[in-house]
Amino acid sequence: MRLLDSLVFRIGAFFQRSKVNAEMEEELRSHIEHRADDLERSGLGRAEAERRARVEFGGRVKYTEEIQNRWAAILLGRFWRMCVTACACCASLPASPLRRF
């Protein structure tokens, strides 16, 4: 059931890309803020801590594209495995037209 839930989530995410992008932006912003808090506790001023955290973390666009590409690859990979499994199941049936291949 976990696979089905994951697949439904990913398909929904594909069609609700703006919502997913907003959630990813929030997640990335949260990581940067936490790192800035750590830097501020080490003695830097808030503005400098935020600047360094953004520099250390890198570009948001790069991470967003990376995550989207991974999701697409995972979704396609799982879809392909499901197709292969379905064909194997159909081929194992006694009256299957796939038995000829």
PDB file of N, CA and C in Angstrom:
ATOM      1  N   MET A   1       0.821  -1.190   0.000  1.00  0.00           N
ATOM      2  CA  MET A   1       0.000   0.000   0.000  1.00  0.00           C
ATOM      3  C   MET A   1       0.867   1.257   0.000  1.00  0.00           C
ATOM      4  N   ARG A   2       2.057   1.143   0.587  1.00  0.00           N
ATOM      5  CA  ARG A   2       2.946   2.301   0.624  1.00  0.00           C
ATOM      6  C   ARG A   2       3.334   2.752  -0.774  1.00  0.00           C
ATOM      7  N   LEU A   3       3.579   1.791  -1.658  1.00  0.00           N
ATOM      8  CA  LEU A   3       3.958   2.119  -3.029  1.00  0.00           C
ATOM      9  C   LEU A   3       2.829   2.867  -3.724  1.00  0.00           C
ATOM     10  N   LEU A   4       1.608   2.399  -3.522  1.00  0.00           N
ATOM     11  CA  LEU A   4       0.452   3.054  -4.138  1.00  0.00           C
ATOM     12  C   LEU A   4       0.284   4.472  -3.599  1.00  0.00           C
ATOM     13  N   ASP A   5       0.427   4.652  -2.286  1.00  0.00           N
ATOM     14  CA  ASP A   5       0.325   5.992  -1.698  1.00  0.00           C
ATOM     15  C   ASP A   5       1.398   6.917  -2.251  1.00  0.00           C
ATOM     16  N   SER A   6       2.605   6.387  -2.372  1.00  0.00           N
ATOM     17  CA  SER A   6       3.719   7.175  -2.904  1.00  0.00           C
ATOM     18  C   SER A   6       3.448   7.571  -4.359  1.00  0.00           C
ATOM     19  N   LEU A   7       2.941   6.610  -5.126  1.00  0.00           N
ATOM     20  CA  LEU A   7       2.653   6.876  -6.537  1.00  0.00           C
ATOM     21  C   LEU A   7       1.555   7.931  -6.671  1.00  0.00           C
ATOM     22  N   VAL A   8       0.524   7.817  -5.869  1.00  0.00           N
ATOM     23  CA  VAL A   8      -0.573   8.798  -5.911  1.00  0.00           C
ATOM     24  C   VAL A   8      -0.048  10.183  -5.542  1.00  0.00           C
ATOM     25  N   PHE A   9       0.814  10.244  -4.516  1.00  0.00           N
ATOM     26  CA  PHE A   9       1.391  11.524  -4.106  1.00  0.00           C
ATOM     27  C   PHE A   9       2.207  12.134  -5.242  1.00  0.00           C
ATOM     28  N   ARG A  10       3.026  11.326  -5.880  1.00  0.00           N
ATOM     29  CA  ARG A  10       3.900  11.840  -6.937  1.00  0.00           C
ATOM     30  C   ARG A  10       3.108  12.274  -8.168  1.00  0.00           C
ATOM     31  N   ILE A  11       2.079  11.530  -8.507  1.00  0.00           N
ATOM     32  CA  ILE A  11       1.241  11.932  -9.637  1.00  0.00           C
ATOM     33  C   ILE A  11       0.517  13.237  -9.295  1.00  0.00           C
ATOM     34  N   GLY A  12       0.003  13.339  -8.062  1.00  0.00           N
ATOM     35  CA  GLY A  12      -0.637  14.577  -7.633  1.00  0.00           C
ATOM     36  C   GLY A  12       0.335  15.740  -7.655  1.00  0.00           C
ATOM     37  N   ALA A  13       1.565  15.474  -7.221  1.00  0.00           N
ATOM     38  CA  ALA A  13       2.593  16.521  -7.212  1.00  0.00           C
ATOM     39  C   ALA A  13       2.913  16.971  -8.635  1.00  0.00           C
ATOM     40  N   PHE A  14       2.881  16.030  -9.562  1.00  0.00           N
ATOM     41  CA  PHE A  14       3.160  16.383 -10.951  1.00  0.00           C
ATOM     42  C   PHE A  14       2.133  17.373 -11.479  1.00  0.00           C
ATOM     43  N   PHE A  15       0.873  17.187 -11.102  1.00  0.00           N
ATOM     44  CA  PHE A  15      -0.183  18.064 -11.596  1.00  0.00           C
ATOM     45  C   PHE A  15      -0.379  19.307 -10.728  1.00  0.00           C
ATOM     46  N   GLN A  16       0.179  19.310  -9.518  1.00  0.00           N
ATOM     47  CA  GLN A  16       0.079  20.474  -8.633  1.00  0.00           C
ATOM     48  C   GLN A  16       1.468  21.041  -8.389  1.00  0.00           C
ATOM     49  N   ARG A  17       2.175  21.269  -9.448  1.00  0.00           N
ATOM     50  CA  ARG A  17       3.577  21.675  -9.362  1.00  0.00           C
ATOM     51  C   ARG A  17       3.776  22.961  -8.557  1.00  0.00           C
ATOM     52  N   SER A  18       2.870  23.923  -8.662  1.00  0.00           N
ATOM     53  CA  SER A  18       3.062  25.182  -7.931  1.00  0.00           C
ATOM     54  C   SER A  18       2.996  24.958  -6.420  1.00  0.00           C
ATOM     55  N   LYS A  19       2.118  24.075  -5.969  1.00  0.00           N
ATOM     56  CA  LYS A  19       2.028  23.769  -4.548  1.00  0.00           C
ATOM     57  C   LYS A  19       3.309  23.081  -4.072  1.00  0.00           C
ATOM     58  N   VAL A  20       3.793  22.140  -4.836  1.00  0.00           N
ATOM     59  CA  VAL A  20       5.020  21.422  -4.484  1.00  0.00           C
ATOM     60  C   VAL A  20       6.203  22.379  -4.482  1.00  0.00           C
ATOM     61  N   ASN A  21       6.277  23.255  -5.477  1.00  0.00           N
ATOM     62  CA  ASN A  21       7.360  24.241  -5.518  1.00  0.00           C
ATOM     63  C   ASN A  21       7.331  25.147  -4.297  1.00  0.00           C
ATOM     64  N   ALA A  22       6.148  25.552  -3.877  1.00  0.00           N
ATOM     65  CA  ALA A  22       6.028  26.405  -2.684  1.00  0.00           C
ATOM     66  C   ALA A  22       6.496  25.659  -1.437  1.00  0.00           C
ATOM     67  N   GLU A  23       6.145  24.371  -1.339  1.00  0.00           N
ATOM     68  CA  GLU A  23       6.583  23.571  -0.198  1.00  0.00           C
ATOM     69  C   GLU A  23       8.098  23.391  -0.203  1.00  0.00           C
ATOM     70  N   MET A  24       8.680  23.186  -1.381  1.00  0.00           N
ATOM     71  CA  MET A  24      10.138  23.045  -1.473  1.00  0.00           C
ATOM     72  C   MET A  24      10.833  24.351  -1.112  1.00  0.00           C
ATOM     73  N   GLU A  25      10.282  25.462  -1.571  1.00  0.00           N
ATOM     74  CA  GLU A  25      10.855  26.766  -1.219  1.00  0.00           C
ATOM     75  C   GLU A  25      10.839  26.970   0.292  1.00  0.00           C
ATOM     76  N   GLU A  26       9.738  26.606   0.917  1.00  0.00           N
ATOM     77  CA  GLU A  26       9.619  26.738   2.367  1.00  0.00           C
ATOM     78  C   GLU A  26      10.648  25.850   3.069  1.00  0.00           C
ATOM     79  N   GLU A  27      10.812  24.641   2.593  1.00  0.00           N
ATOM     80  CA  GLU A  27      11.792  23.720   3.178  1.00  0.00           C
ATOM     81  C   GLU A  27      13.214  24.268   3.031  1.00  0.00           C
ATOM     82  N   LEU A  28      13.560  24.753   1.853  1.00  0.00           N
ATOM     83  CA  LEU A  28      14.892  25.315   1.633  1.00  0.00           C
ATOM     84  C   LEU A  28      15.120  26.560   2.502  1.00  0.00           C
ATOM     85  N   ARG A  29      14.107  27.401   2.591  1.00  0.00           N
ATOM     86  CA  ARG A  29      14.221  28.604   3.421  1.00  0.00           C
ATOM     87  C   ARG A  29      14.430  28.233   4.884  1.00  0.00           C
ATOM     88  N   SER A  30      13.767  27.183   5.322  1.00  0.00           N
ATOM     89  CA  SER A  30      13.897  26.720   6.694  1.00  0.00           C
ATOM     90  C   SER A  30      15.330  26.254   6.979  1.00  0.00           C
ATOM     91  N   HIS A  31      15.919  25.524   6.036  1.00  0.00           N
ATOM     92  CA  HIS A  31      17.301  25.057   6.217  1.00  0.00           C
ATOM     93  C   HIS A  31      18.270  26.235   6.303  1.00  0.00           C
ATOM     94  N   ILE A  32      18.077  27.208   5.447  1.00  0.00           N
ATOM     95  CA  ILE A  32      18.943  28.387   5.457  1.00  0.00           C
ATOM     96  C   ILE A  32      18.786  29.144   6.778  1.00  0.00           C
ATOM     97  N   GLU A  33      17.555  29.276   7.245  1.00  0.00           N
ATOM     98  CA  GLU A  33      17.302  29.989   8.498  1.00  0.00           C
ATOM     99  C   GLU A  33      17.961  29.273   9.686  1.00  0.00           C
ATOM    100  N   HIS A  34      17.864  27.945   9.712  1.00  0.00           N
ATOM    101  CA  HIS A  34      18.493  27.194  10.801  1.00  0.00           C
ATOM    102  C   HIS A  34      20.010  27.339  10.782  1.00  0.00           C
ATOM    103  N   ARG A  35      20.593  27.324   9.582  1.00  0.00           N
ATOM    104  CA  ARG A  35      22.042  27.495   9.488  1.00  0.00           C
ATOM    105  C   ARG A  35      22.442  28.909   9.924  1.00  0.00           C
ATOM    106  N   ALA A  36      21.635  29.896   9.554  1.00  0.00           N
ATOM    107  CA  ALA A  36      21.915  31.276   9.976  1.00  0.00           C
ATOM    108  C   ALA A  36      21.829  31.401  11.496  1.00  0.00           C
ATOM    109  N   ASP A  37      20.874  30.707  12.103  1.00  0.00           N
ATOM    110  CA  ASP A  37      20.770  30.707  13.564  1.00  0.00           C
ATOM    111  C   ASP A  37      22.035  30.136  14.198  1.00  0.00           C
ATOM    112  N   ASP A  38      22.538  29.026  13.623  1.00  0.00           N
ATOM    113  CA  ASP A  38      23.778  28.426  14.128  1.00  0.00           C
ATOM    114  C   ASP A  38      24.950  29.396  14.010  1.00  0.00           C
ATOM    115  N   LEU A  39      25.046  30.045  12.865  1.00  0.00           N
ATOM    116  CA  LEU A  39      26.139  30.996  12.655  1.00  0.00           C
ATOM    117  C   LEU A  39      26.018  32.193  13.596  1.00  0.00           C
ATOM    118  N   GLU A  40      24.783  32.626  13.843  1.00  0.00           N
ATOM    119  CA  GLU A  40      24.575  33.761  14.741  1.00  0.00           C
ATOM    120  C   GLU A  40      24.987  33.396  16.174  1.00  0.00           C
ATOM    121  N   ARG A  41      24.696  32.170  16.575  1.00  0.00           N
ATOM    122  CA  ARG A  41      25.108  31.723  17.911  1.00  0.00           C
ATOM    123  C   ARG A  41      26.626  31.640  18.036  1.00  0.00           C
ATOM    124  N   SER A  42      27.311  31.448  16.896  1.00  0.00           N
ATOM    125  CA  SER A  42      28.774  31.376  16.947  1.00  0.00           C
ATOM    126  C   SER A  42      29.423  32.757  16.995  1.00  0.00           C
ATOM    127  N   GLY A  43      28.611  33.818  16.934  1.00  0.00           N
ATOM    128  CA  GLY A  43      29.149  35.151  17.134  1.00  0.00           C
ATOM    129  C   GLY A  43      28.994  36.114  15.968  1.00  0.00           C
ATOM    130  N   LEU A  44      28.446  35.697  14.863  1.00  0.00           N
ATOM    131  CA  LEU A  44      28.237  36.606  13.730  1.00  0.00           C
ATOM    132  C   LEU A  44      26.974  37.431  13.928  1.00  0.00           C
ATOM    133  N   GLY A  45      26.933  38.578  13.272  1.00  0.00           N
ATOM    134  CA  GLY A  45      25.715  39.377  13.260  1.00  0.00           C
ATOM    135  C   GLY A  45      24.667  38.676  12.401  1.00  0.00           C
ATOM    136  N   ARG A  46      23.398  39.025  12.608  1.00  0.00           N
ATOM    137  CA  ARG A  46      22.317  38.328  11.891  1.00  0.00           C
ATOM    138  C   ARG A  46      22.440  38.483  10.378  1.00  0.00           C
ATOM    139  N   ALA A  47      22.702  39.664   9.901  1.00  0.00           N
ATOM    140  CA  ALA A  47      22.786  39.895   8.454  1.00  0.00           C
ATOM    141  C   ALA A  47      23.928  39.076   7.843  1.00  0.00           C
ATOM    142  N   GLU A  48      25.076  39.081   8.488  1.00  0.00           N
ATOM    143  CA  GLU A  48      26.223  38.320   7.989  1.00  0.00           C
ATOM    144  C   GLU A  48      25.952  36.819   8.074  1.00  0.00           C
ATOM    145  N   ALA A  49      25.295  36.379   9.138  1.00  0.00           N
ATOM    146  CA  ALA A  49      24.962  34.958   9.294  1.00  0.00           C
ATOM    147  C   ALA A  49      24.018  34.496   8.184  1.00  0.00           C
ATOM    148  N   GLU A  50      23.029  35.312   7.851  1.00  0.00           N
ATOM    149  CA  GLU A  50      22.098  34.960   6.774  1.00  0.00           C
ATOM    150  C   GLU A  50      22.812  34.924   5.423  1.00  0.00           C
ATOM    151  N   ARG A  51      23.701  35.886   5.196  1.00  0.00           N
ATOM    152  CA  ARG A  51      24.438  35.917   3.946  1.00  0.00           C
ATOM    153  C   ARG A  51      25.305  34.669   3.801  1.00  0.00           C
ATOM    154  N   ARG A  52      26.031  34.325   4.853  1.00  0.00           N
ATOM    155  CA  ARG A  52      26.904  33.146   4.801  1.00  0.00           C
ATOM    156  C   ARG A  52      26.102  31.855   4.641  1.00  0.00           C
ATOM    157  N   ALA A  53      24.960  31.790   5.294  1.00  0.00           N
ATOM    158  CA  ALA A  53      24.118  30.592   5.180  1.00  0.00           C
ATOM    159  C   ALA A  53      23.640  30.415   3.738  1.00  0.00           C
ATOM    160  N   ARG A  54      23.243  31.519   3.101  1.00  0.00           N
ATOM    161  CA  ARG A  54      22.808  31.433   1.700  1.00  0.00           C
ATOM    162  C   ARG A  54      23.960  31.014   0.793  1.00  0.00           C
ATOM    163  N   VAL A  55      25.153  31.542   1.061  1.00  0.00           N
ATOM    164  CA  VAL A  55      26.325  31.189   0.255  1.00  0.00           C
ATOM    165  C   VAL A  55      26.668  29.713   0.451  1.00  0.00           C
ATOM    166  N   GLU A  56      26.676  29.259   1.705  1.00  0.00           N
ATOM    167  CA  GLU A  56      26.998  27.859   1.991  1.00  0.00           C
ATOM    168  C   GLU A  56      25.983  26.907   1.372  1.00  0.00           C
ATOM    169  N   PHE A  57      24.741  27.290   1.420  1.00  0.00           N
ATOM    170  CA  PHE A  57      23.698  26.393   0.935  1.00  0.00           C
ATOM    171  C   PHE A  57      23.647  26.345  -0.583  1.00  0.00           C
ATOM    172  N   GLY A  58      24.003  27.410  -1.231  1.00  0.00           N
ATOM    173  CA  GLY A  58      23.989  27.434  -2.695  1.00  0.00           C
ATOM    174  C   GLY A  58      22.678  27.961  -3.236  1.00  0.00           C
ATOM    175  N   GLY A  59      22.530  27.864  -4.544  1.00  0.00           N
ATOM    176  CA  GLY A  59      21.355  28.400  -5.214  1.00  0.00           C
ATOM    177  C   GLY A  59      20.118  27.550  -5.018  1.00  0.00           C
ATOM    178  N   ARG A  60      19.019  28.201  -4.732  1.00  0.00           N
ATOM    179  CA  ARG A  60      17.747  27.499  -4.552  1.00  0.00           C
ATOM    180  C   ARG A  60      17.280  26.862  -5.847  1.00  0.00           C
ATOM    181  N   VAL A  61      17.504  27.538  -6.945  1.00  0.00           N
ATOM    182  CA  VAL A  61      17.040  27.027  -8.233  1.00  0.00           C
ATOM    183  C   VAL A  61      17.691  25.685  -8.535  1.00  0.00           C
ATOM    184  N   LYS A  62      18.987  25.584  -8.231  1.00  0.00           N
ATOM    185  CA  LYS A  62      19.709  24.339  -8.482  1.00  0.00           C
ATOM    186  C   LYS A  62      19.077  23.187  -7.699  1.00  0.00           C
ATOM    187  N   TYR A  63      18.787  23.411  -6.417  1.00  0.00           N
ATOM    188  CA  TYR A  63      18.210  22.358  -5.593  1.00  0.00           C
ATOM    189  C   TYR A  63      16.788  22.025  -6.039  1.00  0.00           C
ATOM    190  N   THR A  64      16.025  23.017  -6.393  1.00  0.00           N
ATOM    191  CA  THR A  64      14.659  22.778  -6.844  1.00  0.00           C
ATOM    192  C   THR A  64      14.653  21.924  -8.106  1.00  0.00           C
ATOM    193  N   GLU A  65      15.502  22.255  -9.076  1.00  0.00           N
ATOM    194  CA  GLU A  65      15.570  21.473 -10.306  1.00  0.00           C
ATOM    195  C   GLU A  65      16.064  20.055 -10.033  1.00  0.00           C
ATOM    196  N   GLU A  66      17.031  19.928  -9.131  1.00  0.00           N
ATOM    197  CA  GLU A  66      17.561  18.617  -8.788  1.00  0.00           C
ATOM    198  C   GLU A  66      16.474  17.727  -8.192  1.00  0.00           C
ATOM    199  N   ILE A  67      15.694  18.288  -7.287  1.00  0.00           N
ATOM    200  CA  ILE A  67      14.622  17.529  -6.647  1.00  0.00           C
ATOM    201  C   ILE A  67      13.564  17.132  -7.663  1.00  0.00           C
ATOM    202  N   GLN A  68      13.188  18.055  -8.541  1.00  0.00           N
ATOM    203  CA  GLN A  68      12.183  17.745  -9.551  1.00  0.00           C
ATOM    204  C   GLN A  68      12.673  16.655 -10.502  1.00  0.00           C
ATOM    205  N   ASN A  69      13.943  16.706 -10.876  1.00  0.00           N
ATOM    206  CA  ASN A  69      14.494  15.676 -11.762  1.00  0.00           C
ATOM    207  C   ASN A  69      14.514  14.314 -11.078  1.00  0.00           C
ATOM    208  N   ARG A  70      14.844  14.298  -9.801  1.00  0.00           N
ATOM    209  CA  ARG A  70      14.837  13.031  -9.057  1.00  0.00           C
ATOM    210  C   ARG A  70      13.433  12.464  -8.981  1.00  0.00           C
ATOM    211  N   TRP A  71      12.451  13.314  -8.689  1.00  0.00           N
ATOM    212  CA  TRP A  71      11.077  12.840  -8.606  1.00  0.00           C
ATOM    213  C   TRP A  71      10.630  12.256  -9.934  1.00  0.00           C
ATOM    214  N   ALA A  72      10.962  12.929 -11.023  1.00  0.00           N
ATOM    215  CA  ALA A  72      10.576  12.426 -12.344  1.00  0.00           C
ATOM    216  C   ALA A  72      11.232  11.078 -12.611  1.00  0.00           C
ATOM    217  N   ALA A  73      12.500  10.948 -12.280  1.00  0.00           N
ATOM    218  CA  ALA A  73      13.209   9.686 -12.507  1.00  0.00           C
ATOM    219  C   ALA A  73      12.623   8.568 -11.649  1.00  0.00           C
ATOM    220  N   ILE A  74      12.314   8.875 -10.400  1.00  0.00           N
ATOM    221  CA  ILE A  74      11.730   7.866  -9.515  1.00  0.00           C
ATOM    222  C   ILE A  74      10.365   7.441 -10.025  1.00  0.00           C
ATOM    223  N   LEU A  75       9.554   8.413 -10.418  1.00  0.00           N
ATOM    224  CA  LEU A  75       8.213   8.111 -10.913  1.00  0.00           C
ATOM    225  C   LEU A  75       8.277   7.247 -12.166  1.00  0.00           C
ATOM    226  N   LEU A  76       9.134   7.607 -13.109  1.00  0.00           N
ATOM    227  CA  LEU A  76       9.248   6.819 -14.339  1.00  0.00           C
ATOM    228  C   LEU A  76       9.805   5.426 -14.059  1.00  0.00           C
ATOM    229  N   GLY A  77      10.771   5.345 -13.159  1.00  0.00           N
ATOM    230  CA  GLY A  77      11.337   4.043 -12.804  1.00  0.00           C
ATOM    231  C   GLY A  77      10.298   3.122 -12.173  1.00  0.00           C
ATOM    232  N   ARG A  78       9.521   3.669 -11.266  1.00  0.00           N
ATOM    233  CA  ARG A  78       8.484   2.857 -10.631  1.00  0.00           C
ATOM    234  C   ARG A  78       7.402   2.465 -11.623  1.00  0.00           C
ATOM    235  N   PHE A  79       7.044   3.380 -12.502  1.00  0.00           N
ATOM    236  CA  PHE A  79       6.046   3.062 -13.515  1.00  0.00           C
ATOM    237  C   PHE A  79       6.543   1.936 -14.418  1.00  0.00           C
ATOM    238  N   TRP A  80       7.813   2.007 -14.812  1.00  0.00           N
ATOM    239  CA  TRP A  80       8.391   0.968 -15.667  1.00  0.00           C
ATOM    240  C   TRP A  80       8.375  -0.384 -14.950  1.00  0.00           C
ATOM    241  N   ARG A  81       8.761  -0.416 -13.674  1.00  0.00           N
ATOM    242  CA  ARG A  81       8.761  -1.673 -12.925  1.00  0.00           C
ATOM    243  C   ARG A  81       7.349  -2.232 -12.790  1.00  0.00           C
ATOM    244  N   MET A  82       6.379  -1.352 -12.607  1.00  0.00           N
ATOM    245  CA  MET A  82       4.993  -1.811 -12.517  1.00  0.00           C
ATOM    246  C   MET A  82       4.540  -2.414 -13.841  1.00  0.00           C
ATOM    247  N   CYS A  83       4.935  -1.810 -14.957  1.00  0.00           N
ATOM    248  CA  CYS A  83       4.580  -2.347 -16.277  1.00  0.00           C
ATOM    249  C   CYS A  83       5.214  -3.713 -16.498  1.00  0.00           C
ATOM    250  N   VAL A  84       6.480  -3.849 -16.139  1.00  0.00           N
ATOM    251  CA  VAL A  84       7.180  -5.131 -16.295  1.00  0.00           C
ATOM    252  C   VAL A  84       6.509  -6.198 -15.438  1.00  0.00           C
ATOM    253  N   THR A  85       6.170  -5.841 -14.201  1.00  0.00           N
ATOM    254  CA  THR A  85       5.505  -6.787 -13.312  1.00  0.00           C
ATOM    255  C   THR A  85       4.143  -7.184 -13.863  1.00  0.00           C
ATOM    256  N   ALA A  86       3.394  -6.233 -14.377  1.00  0.00           N
ATOM    257  CA  ALA A  86       2.079  -6.532 -14.950  1.00  0.00           C
ATOM    258  C   ALA A  86       2.211  -7.459 -16.148  1.00  0.00           C
ATOM    259  N   CYS A  87       3.191  -7.224 -17.013  1.00  0.00           N
ATOM    260  CA  CYS A  87       3.402  -8.093 -18.168  1.00  0.00           C
ATOM    261  C   CYS A  87       3.808  -9.500 -17.728  1.00  0.00           C
ATOM    262  N   ALA A  88       4.651  -9.579 -16.711  1.00  0.00           N
ATOM    263  CA  ALA A  88       5.069 -10.893 -16.213  1.00  0.00           C
ATOM    264  C   ALA A  88       3.884 -11.646 -15.621  1.00  0.00           C
ATOM    265  N   CYS A  89       3.031 -10.940 -14.906  1.00  0.00           N
ATOM    266  CA  CYS A  89       1.845 -11.582 -14.340  1.00  0.00           C
ATOM    267  C   CYS A  89       0.901 -12.053 -15.436  1.00  0.00           C
ATOM    268  N   CYS A  90       0.710 -11.229 -16.443  1.00  0.00           N
ATOM    269  CA  CYS A  90      -0.172 -11.605 -17.551  1.00  0.00           C
ATOM    270  C   CYS A  90       0.403 -12.783 -18.335  1.00  0.00           C
ATOM    271  N   ALA A  91       1.710 -12.787 -18.506  1.00  0.00           N
ATOM    272  CA  ALA A  91       2.346 -13.867 -19.256  1.00  0.00           C
ATOM    273  C   ALA A  91       2.249 -15.195 -18.524  1.00  0.00           C
ATOM    274  N   SER A  92       2.127 -15.161 -17.219  1.00  0.00           N
ATOM    275  CA  SER A  92       2.058 -16.407 -16.455  1.00  0.00           C
ATOM    276  C   SER A  92       0.653 -17.009 -16.450  1.00  0.00           C
ATOM    277  N   LEU A  93      -0.348 -16.278 -16.922  1.00  0.00           N
ATOM    278  CA  LEU A  93      -1.708 -16.814 -16.979  1.00  0.00           C
ATOM    279  C   LEU A  93      -1.808 -17.851 -18.090  1.00  0.00           C
ATOM    280  N   PRO A  94      -2.592 -18.903 -17.877  1.00  0.00           N
ATOM    281  CA  PRO A  94      -2.659 -19.987 -18.871  1.00  0.00           C
ATOM    282  C   PRO A  94      -3.147 -19.554 -20.252  1.00  0.00           C
ATOM    283  N   ALA A  95      -4.116 -18.650 -20.331  1.00  0.00           N
ATOM    284  CA  ALA A  95      -4.682 -18.260 -21.624  1.00  0.00           C
ATOM    285  C   ALA A  95      -4.161 -16.901 -22.080  1.00  0.00           C
ATOM    286  N   SER A  96      -2.982 -16.545 -21.669  1.00  0.00           N
ATOM    287  CA  SER A  96      -2.456 -15.220 -21.975  1.00  0.00           C
ATOM    288  C   SER A  96      -1.941 -15.127 -23.408  1.00  0.00           C
ATOM    289  N   PRO A  97      -2.301 -14.049 -24.120  1.00  0.00           N
ATOM    290  CA  PRO A  97      -1.760 -13.856 -25.457  1.00  0.00           C
ATOM    291  C   PRO A  97      -0.252 -13.535 -25.420  1.00  0.00           C
ATOM    292  N   LEU A  98       0.252 -13.162 -24.249  1.00  0.00           N
ATOM    293  CA  LEU A  98       1.687 -12.855 -24.126  1.00  0.00           C
ATOM    294  C   LEU A  98       2.547 -14.119 -24.079  1.00  0.00           C
ATOM    295  N   ARG A  99       1.927 -15.283 -23.925  1.00  0.00           N
ATOM    296  CA  ARG A  99       2.697 -16.531 -23.874  1.00  0.00           C
ATOM    297  C   ARG A  99       3.375 -16.821 -25.216  1.00  0.00           C
ATOM    298  N   ARG A 100       2.895 -16.242 -26.274  1.00  0.00           N
ATOM    299  CA  ARG A 100       3.481 -16.481 -27.598  1.00  0.00           C
ATOM    300  C   ARG A 100       4.830 -15.815 -27.743  1.00  0.00           C
ATOM    301  N   PHE A 101       5.117 -14.785 -26.954  1.00  0.00           N
ATOM    302  CA  PHE A 101       6.345 -14.014 -27.120  1.00  0.00           C
ATOM    303  C   PHE A 101       7.478 -14.573 -26.349  1.00  0.00           C
TER     304      PHE A 101
END
